[in-house]
Amino acid sequence: MSKKRPVNWYVILRAALSPEQHTRAGLLLFLFAFVTLECSIHALAPVIEHTALALSPWHPAPNTIAHHFVAFLGTLLSFVLALVVILLWARAQDTAPAAVVEGLPRKSRGLIIGLSTPAKTAAAEITAAIDNAGGRPSIESLGELRAKLLESNWGPLAAAVEYHGEELKQVWLLCTKEAAPHFENARRILQVVIGCSAPIKQCDLDNPSSITAVEKNVEKIYSAAGPDLNLSDADIVADLTGGTSAVTAGLARAVGSNPHRRIEWLDQSKKLAWRGDDGVLHARTAVQVAEDKVLIEVRTAS
C-alpha cells in the first residue's frame, strides 16, 4: 500500500496566494479574512484599555469589558474560520486534477528538443548543397533543401525551430553520444536552411539510456535559463518528438515536475513532406504547419 503524502500547508498557502490560483471565490475569501483580522485588532484595543482601567485603583471597573472581550473572541473566531476555509480551498486547488486541452503551441523564447542521429543520405546531400553554394544557396535551392530536410528524420526538429522562429532566444539540442558528432552540421543546416538566428546550444546527455539521468540534465537547463538568459520556465517549451524513448521520457518527467513548464510534440499523422505520384517532393509551408496544427501543445484549460 502506498504511503499517503503529508499535506504541506505552507506550499498550499503559497499556491493559494499565487496569482494563477486566484478565482472570484478565492479573492472574496482572502478579503474576508483580512477584514476580520482588522476587526479583531480594533476589537482588542478597547479590551486592553478597559482592562488597564480595571486594574487601576483610581478608576472603577468598567462594565463593558465583557462585551468587548466577547466581540474580540467573535472576530477572532471568524478570522480562524476564514483561514481554515482558505486552506481547504487551496488544498482542493492543489490536489484537484486540472483539465487539459491540446492546441497550437504558443510561440516560445526557448526550445528544448532532442537531436536524432541523421539519415546519412539526406544530411550529406543538404550539406553538400550548402557547401557548393558557398554557404548561401539561392531562394529556389533553399526551398528544395527545406523539403529534403522536412522529409528526413531531422524534419520534426526543423519544423519546431521554424515554427517558433524569430521569437526564439535559445535552442537546446539534447545529444546522445551517437548524435553529438552531428551537432555542428545540424546547427549549420538550421541556420542556413531554416534561417534560425537564435543561439543553438549542444547539451550532451550524461546517460541517455537512463530516464532519471536525462531528467537531471533537463533540470539543469531550466535552472540556468533564468539567471543566464532571463527566461522563466513558462518561456521555454520542450518538444518530445526528437530523440530516443529514454530521452523523451526523461524530458517529459522534467516538464511534468513543474506546472509552469510547457510541452509540445509533432502530430505524426500529418506529414511534413511527401512525394507525389510523379515523384516530386512536396512540403508543408511554415504557414501550413501552423494552420494544420502539425505541432501540438498541451495546456491547462482556462
Protein backbone atom coordinates (compact mmCIF):
# COMPACT_ATOMS: atom_id res chain seq x y z
CA MET A 1 0.00 0.00 0.00
CA SER A 2 1.35 3.42 -0.95
CA LYS A 3 2.01 5.95 1.75
CA LYS A 4 -0.25 8.97 1.80
CA ARG A 5 1.72 12.13 1.09
CA PRO A 6 1.61 14.52 4.08
CA VAL A 7 -0.10 17.82 3.46
CA ASN A 8 2.35 20.71 3.23
CA TRP A 9 0.19 23.62 4.31
CA TYR A 10 2.96 26.13 3.62
CA VAL A 11 3.13 25.07 -0.03
CA ILE A 12 -0.65 25.03 -0.30
CA LEU A 13 -0.99 28.51 1.18
CA ARG A 14 1.69 29.81 -1.20
CA ALA A 15 -0.22 28.25 -4.08
CA ALA A 16 -3.42 29.91 -2.90
CA LEU A 17 -1.67 33.26 -2.73
CA SER A 18 -0.22 32.97 -6.24
CA PRO A 19 -1.93 34.98 -8.97
CA GLU A 20 -2.54 31.85 -11.02
CA GLN A 21 -4.86 30.42 -8.35
CA HIS A 22 -6.99 33.50 -7.82
CA THR A 23 -10.67 32.97 -8.55
CA ARG A 24 -13.56 35.19 -7.64
CA ALA A 25 -14.47 32.98 -4.67
CA GLY A 26 -10.87 32.77 -3.50
CA LEU A 27 -10.41 36.52 -3.71
CA LEU A 28 -13.55 37.10 -1.65
CA LEU A 29 -12.29 34.67 0.98
CA PHE A 30 -8.98 36.47 1.27
CA LEU A 31 -10.67 39.85 1.54
CA PHE A 32 -12.97 38.48 4.24
CA ALA A 33 -10.00 37.10 6.16
CA PHE A 34 -8.17 40.40 6.14
CA VAL A 35 -11.29 42.35 7.12
CA THR A 36 -11.95 40.06 10.06
CA LEU A 37 -8.33 40.34 11.16
CA GLU A 38 -8.60 44.11 11.05
CA CYS A 39 -11.82 43.97 13.07
CA SER A 40 -10.20 41.73 15.66
CA ILE A 41 -7.37 44.23 16.09
CA HIS A 42 -9.84 47.06 16.61
CA ALA A 43 -11.87 44.92 18.99
CA LEU A 44 -8.78 44.08 21.04
CA ALA A 45 -7.81 47.71 21.67
CA PRO A 46 -10.80 48.56 23.93
CA VAL A 47 -10.26 45.33 25.89
CA ILE A 48 -6.71 46.33 26.69
CA GLU A 49 -7.82 49.85 27.55
CA HIS A 50 -10.65 48.80 29.87
CA THR A 51 -8.52 46.10 31.47
CA ALA A 52 -5.93 48.70 32.30
CA LEU A 53 -8.63 50.91 33.78
CA ALA A 54 -9.98 47.99 35.79
CA LEU A 55 -6.58 47.33 37.31
CA SER A 56 -6.10 50.96 38.12
CA PRO A 57 -7.00 51.83 41.78
CA TRP A 58 -8.17 55.27 40.67
CA HIS A 59 -10.91 54.10 38.30
CA PRO A 60 -13.88 51.78 38.85
CA ALA A 61 -14.02 48.65 36.72
CA PRO A 62 -15.99 49.41 33.54
CA ASN A 63 -18.99 47.25 32.73
CA THR A 64 -18.10 46.96 29.03
CA ILE A 65 -15.04 44.73 29.41
CA ALA A 66 -17.03 41.54 28.94
CA HIS A 67 -18.82 42.97 25.92
CA HIS A 68 -15.59 43.92 24.16
CA PHE A 69 -13.94 40.64 25.06
CA VAL A 70 -16.85 38.69 23.54
CA ALA A 71 -16.62 40.87 20.43
CA PHE A 72 -12.93 40.16 20.18
CA LEU A 73 -13.46 36.42 20.51
CA GLY A 74 -16.15 36.53 17.83
CA THR A 75 -13.99 38.34 15.32
CA LEU A 76 -11.00 36.14 16.11
CA LEU A 77 -13.14 33.04 15.60
CA SER A 78 -14.34 34.46 12.27
CA PHE A 79 -10.76 35.01 11.16
CA VAL A 80 -9.73 31.48 12.12
CA LEU A 81 -12.76 30.05 10.33
CA ALA A 82 -11.99 32.08 7.20
CA LEU A 83 -8.37 30.94 7.29
CA VAL A 84 -9.43 27.29 7.55
CA VAL A 85 -11.79 27.72 4.59
CA ILE A 86 -8.98 29.33 2.58
CA LEU A 87 -6.59 26.48 3.34
CA LEU A 88 -9.18 23.86 2.43
CA TRP A 89 -9.95 25.68 -0.81
CA ALA A 90 -6.24 25.96 -1.58
CA ARG A 91 -5.79 22.27 -0.90
CA ALA A 92 -8.60 21.47 -3.32
CA GLN A 93 -6.94 23.68 -5.94
CA ASP A 94 -3.63 21.92 -5.33
CA THR A 95 -4.93 18.37 -5.46
CA ALA A 96 -7.76 18.53 -7.99
CA PRO A 97 -6.76 17.19 -11.41
CA ALA A 98 -6.52 20.04 -13.89
CA ALA A 99 -8.47 19.80 -17.12
CA VAL A 100 -6.13 19.94 -20.09
CA VAL A 101 -6.64 20.80 -23.74
CA GLU A 102 -4.50 20.33 -26.82
CA GLY A 103 -3.88 23.18 -29.22
CA LEU A 104 -1.37 25.09 -31.29
CA PRO A 105 1.74 25.91 -29.24
CA ARG A 106 2.36 29.44 -28.07
CA LYS A 107 5.45 30.94 -29.73
CA SER A 108 8.30 30.39 -27.29
CA ARG A 109 11.56 32.12 -26.44
CA GLY A 110 13.28 28.84 -25.59
CA LEU A 111 13.13 25.38 -27.17
CA ILE A 112 14.46 22.09 -25.78
CA ILE A 113 14.48 19.23 -28.28
CA GLY A 114 16.42 16.03 -28.89
CA LEU A 115 18.82 15.66 -31.81
CA SER A 116 18.43 12.38 -33.67
CA THR A 117 21.27 10.62 -35.45
CA PRO A 118 20.66 11.77 -39.04
CA ALA A 119 19.87 9.67 -42.03
CA LYS A 120 23.23 9.80 -43.82
CA THR A 121 21.92 10.43 -47.34
CA ALA A 122 19.69 13.41 -46.54
CA ALA A 123 22.20 15.15 -44.26
CA ALA A 124 25.04 14.61 -46.74
CA GLU A 125 23.02 15.95 -49.68
CA ILE A 126 21.91 19.06 -47.80
CA THR A 127 25.41 19.77 -46.51
CA ALA A 128 26.92 19.28 -49.96
CA ALA A 129 24.39 21.65 -51.50
CA ILE A 130 25.18 24.32 -48.90
CA ASP A 131 28.91 23.91 -49.49
CA ASN A 132 28.52 24.08 -53.28
CA ALA A 133 26.60 27.34 -52.91
CA GLY A 134 29.32 28.85 -50.73
CA GLY A 135 27.05 28.73 -47.69
CA ARG A 136 24.42 30.88 -49.39
CA PRO A 137 22.01 28.81 -51.50
CA SER A 138 19.52 30.60 -53.75
CA ILE A 139 15.92 31.01 -52.66
CA GLU A 140 14.85 28.28 -55.08
CA SER A 141 17.55 25.96 -53.75
CA LEU A 142 16.55 26.75 -50.16
CA GLY A 143 13.00 25.59 -50.91
CA GLU A 144 14.27 22.27 -52.22
CA LEU A 145 16.69 21.84 -49.30
CA ARG A 146 13.92 22.66 -46.84
CA ALA A 147 11.70 19.98 -48.40
CA LYS A 148 14.52 17.43 -48.15
CA LEU A 149 15.14 18.43 -44.55
CA LEU A 150 11.47 18.07 -43.62
CA GLU A 151 11.37 14.66 -45.31
CA SER A 152 14.32 13.44 -43.23
CA ASN A 153 14.33 12.38 -39.59
CA TRP A 154 15.50 15.91 -38.77
CA GLY A 155 12.17 17.17 -40.10
CA PRO A 156 10.46 17.49 -36.69
CA LEU A 157 13.47 19.43 -35.35
CA ALA A 158 13.41 21.78 -38.34
CA ALA A 159 9.63 22.26 -38.12
CA ALA A 160 9.78 23.14 -34.41
CA VAL A 161 12.63 25.64 -34.85
CA GLU A 162 10.93 27.20 -37.87
CA TYR A 163 7.55 27.44 -36.10
CA HIS A 164 8.87 29.39 -33.11
CA GLY A 165 11.01 31.44 -35.48
CA GLU A 166 12.16 34.91 -34.52
CA GLU A 167 10.65 34.57 -31.05
CA LEU A 168 13.40 32.12 -30.12
CA LYS A 169 16.24 33.36 -27.93
CA GLN A 170 17.85 29.96 -27.30
CA VAL A 171 17.63 26.41 -28.65
CA TRP A 172 18.98 23.46 -26.64
CA LEU A 173 19.70 20.25 -28.56
CA LEU A 174 19.84 17.17 -26.34
CA CYS A 175 22.59 14.95 -27.76
CA THR A 176 23.38 11.30 -27.20
CA LYS A 177 26.93 10.12 -27.89
CA GLU A 178 25.79 8.96 -31.31
CA ALA A 179 24.14 12.28 -32.19
CA ALA A 180 26.79 14.59 -30.70
CA PRO A 181 29.22 14.36 -33.68
CA HIS A 182 26.42 15.69 -35.92
CA PHE A 183 25.62 18.74 -33.80
CA GLU A 184 27.68 21.26 -35.78
CA ASN A 185 26.19 20.04 -39.03
CA ALA A 186 22.67 20.26 -37.60
CA ARG A 187 23.28 23.78 -36.32
CA ARG A 188 24.60 24.90 -39.69
CA ILE A 189 21.63 23.40 -41.55
CA LEU A 190 19.14 25.03 -39.18
CA GLN A 191 20.83 28.39 -39.57
CA VAL A 192 21.14 28.27 -43.37
CA VAL A 193 18.05 26.34 -44.47
CA ILE A 194 15.56 27.30 -41.75
CA GLY A 195 17.05 30.72 -41.02
CA CYS A 196 17.40 30.20 -37.27
CA SER A 197 19.08 33.25 -35.75
CA ALA A 198 18.86 32.13 -32.12
CA PRO A 199 21.92 30.57 -30.46
CA ILE A 200 21.83 26.77 -30.65
CA LYS A 201 23.49 25.00 -27.75
CA GLN A 202 24.72 21.42 -27.57
CA CYS A 203 23.60 19.62 -24.40
CA ASP A 204 25.37 16.29 -24.03
CA LEU A 205 23.42 13.75 -22.00
CA ASP A 206 25.36 12.01 -19.23
CA ASN A 207 23.47 8.76 -19.61
CA PRO A 208 20.87 8.86 -22.42
CA SER A 209 19.65 5.35 -21.52
CA SER A 210 18.58 6.49 -18.04
CA ILE A 211 15.31 8.40 -17.73
CA THR A 212 16.40 9.82 -14.37
CA ALA A 213 19.75 10.99 -15.74
CA VAL A 214 18.07 12.70 -18.69
CA GLU A 215 15.63 14.37 -16.32
CA LYS A 216 18.53 15.79 -14.29
CA ASN A 217 20.20 17.11 -17.45
CA VAL A 218 16.99 18.88 -18.46
CA GLU A 219 16.56 20.31 -14.95
CA LYS A 220 19.98 21.91 -15.32
CA ILE A 221 18.79 23.66 -18.47
CA TYR A 222 15.78 25.12 -16.70
CA SER A 223 17.88 26.15 -13.69
CA ALA A 224 20.42 28.00 -15.84
CA ALA A 225 17.90 29.61 -18.20
CA GLY A 226 16.71 32.08 -15.58
CA PRO A 227 19.97 33.67 -14.43
CA ASP A 228 21.79 33.26 -17.76
CA LEU A 229 19.06 34.21 -20.26
CA ASN A 230 16.30 35.75 -18.15
CA LEU A 231 13.91 33.02 -19.30
CA SER A 232 11.23 31.66 -17.00
CA ASP A 233 10.02 28.06 -17.15
CA ALA A 234 6.91 29.27 -19.00
CA ASP A 235 9.10 30.91 -21.67
CA ILE A 236 10.55 27.53 -22.66
CA VAL A 237 8.80 24.71 -24.48
CA ALA A 238 10.10 21.14 -24.54
CA ASP A 239 9.49 19.17 -27.74
CA LEU A 240 9.04 15.43 -27.28
CA THR A 241 9.31 14.43 -30.94
CA GLY A 242 13.06 14.04 -31.38
CA GLY A 243 15.40 11.72 -29.51
CA THR A 244 15.24 8.19 -28.14
CA SER A 245 12.48 6.77 -25.93
CA ALA A 246 14.53 7.30 -22.75
CA VAL A 247 15.31 10.89 -23.75
CA THR A 248 11.63 11.55 -24.47
CA ALA A 249 10.57 10.03 -21.13
CA GLY A 250 13.20 11.97 -19.17
CA LEU A 251 12.19 15.19 -20.87
CA ALA A 252 8.53 14.53 -20.07
CA ARG A 253 9.34 13.85 -16.41
CA ALA A 254 11.27 17.10 -16.09
CA VAL A 255 8.43 19.08 -17.62
CA GLY A 256 5.82 17.32 -15.52
CA SER A 257 7.56 18.25 -12.27
CA ASN A 258 6.58 21.92 -12.65
CA PRO A 259 3.09 23.16 -13.66
CA HIS A 260 4.56 26.22 -15.37
CA ARG A 261 6.61 24.17 -17.83
CA ARG A 262 5.26 23.51 -21.29
CA ILE A 263 5.40 20.58 -23.65
CA GLU A 264 4.75 20.08 -27.37
CA TRP A 265 5.05 17.35 -29.97
CA LEU A 266 4.56 16.79 -33.68
CA ASP A 267 1.41 15.07 -34.91
CA GLN A 268 2.89 12.04 -36.67
CA SER A 269 -0.27 11.54 -38.71
CA LYS A 270 0.41 14.79 -40.58
CA LYS A 271 3.41 14.51 -42.86
CA LEU A 272 5.79 17.43 -43.15
CA ALA A 273 6.90 16.36 -46.63
CA TRP A 274 5.81 13.72 -49.13
CA ARG A 275 6.37 12.62 -52.70
CA GLY A 276 3.54 12.79 -55.20
CA ASP A 277 2.63 10.19 -57.79
CA ASP A 278 5.05 11.91 -60.16
CA GLY A 279 7.88 11.50 -57.65
CA VAL A 280 8.13 15.24 -56.98
CA LEU A 281 8.85 16.15 -53.35
CA HIS A 282 6.29 18.43 -51.69
CA ALA A 283 6.49 20.03 -48.24
CA ARG A 284 4.16 21.95 -45.98
CA THR A 285 4.94 25.63 -45.76
CA ALA A 286 5.55 27.27 -42.38
CA VAL A 287 2.05 28.74 -42.59
CA GLN A 288 0.53 25.34 -43.34
CA VAL A 289 2.36 23.76 -40.39
CA ALA A 290 0.61 26.28 -38.14
CA GLU A 291 -2.79 26.20 -39.87
CA ASP A 292 -2.92 22.39 -39.98
CA LYS A 293 -1.84 22.20 -36.32
CA VAL A 294 1.03 19.86 -37.06
CA LEU A 295 2.60 20.93 -33.76
CA ILE A 296 0.54 20.42 -30.62
CA GLU A 297 0.92 21.80 -27.10
CA VAL A 298 -0.96 20.53 -24.07
CA ARG A 299 -2.08 23.19 -21.61
CA THR A 300 -4.38 23.62 -18.65
CA ALA A 301 -7.89 24.56 -19.66
CA SER A 302 -8.86 28.11 -18.66
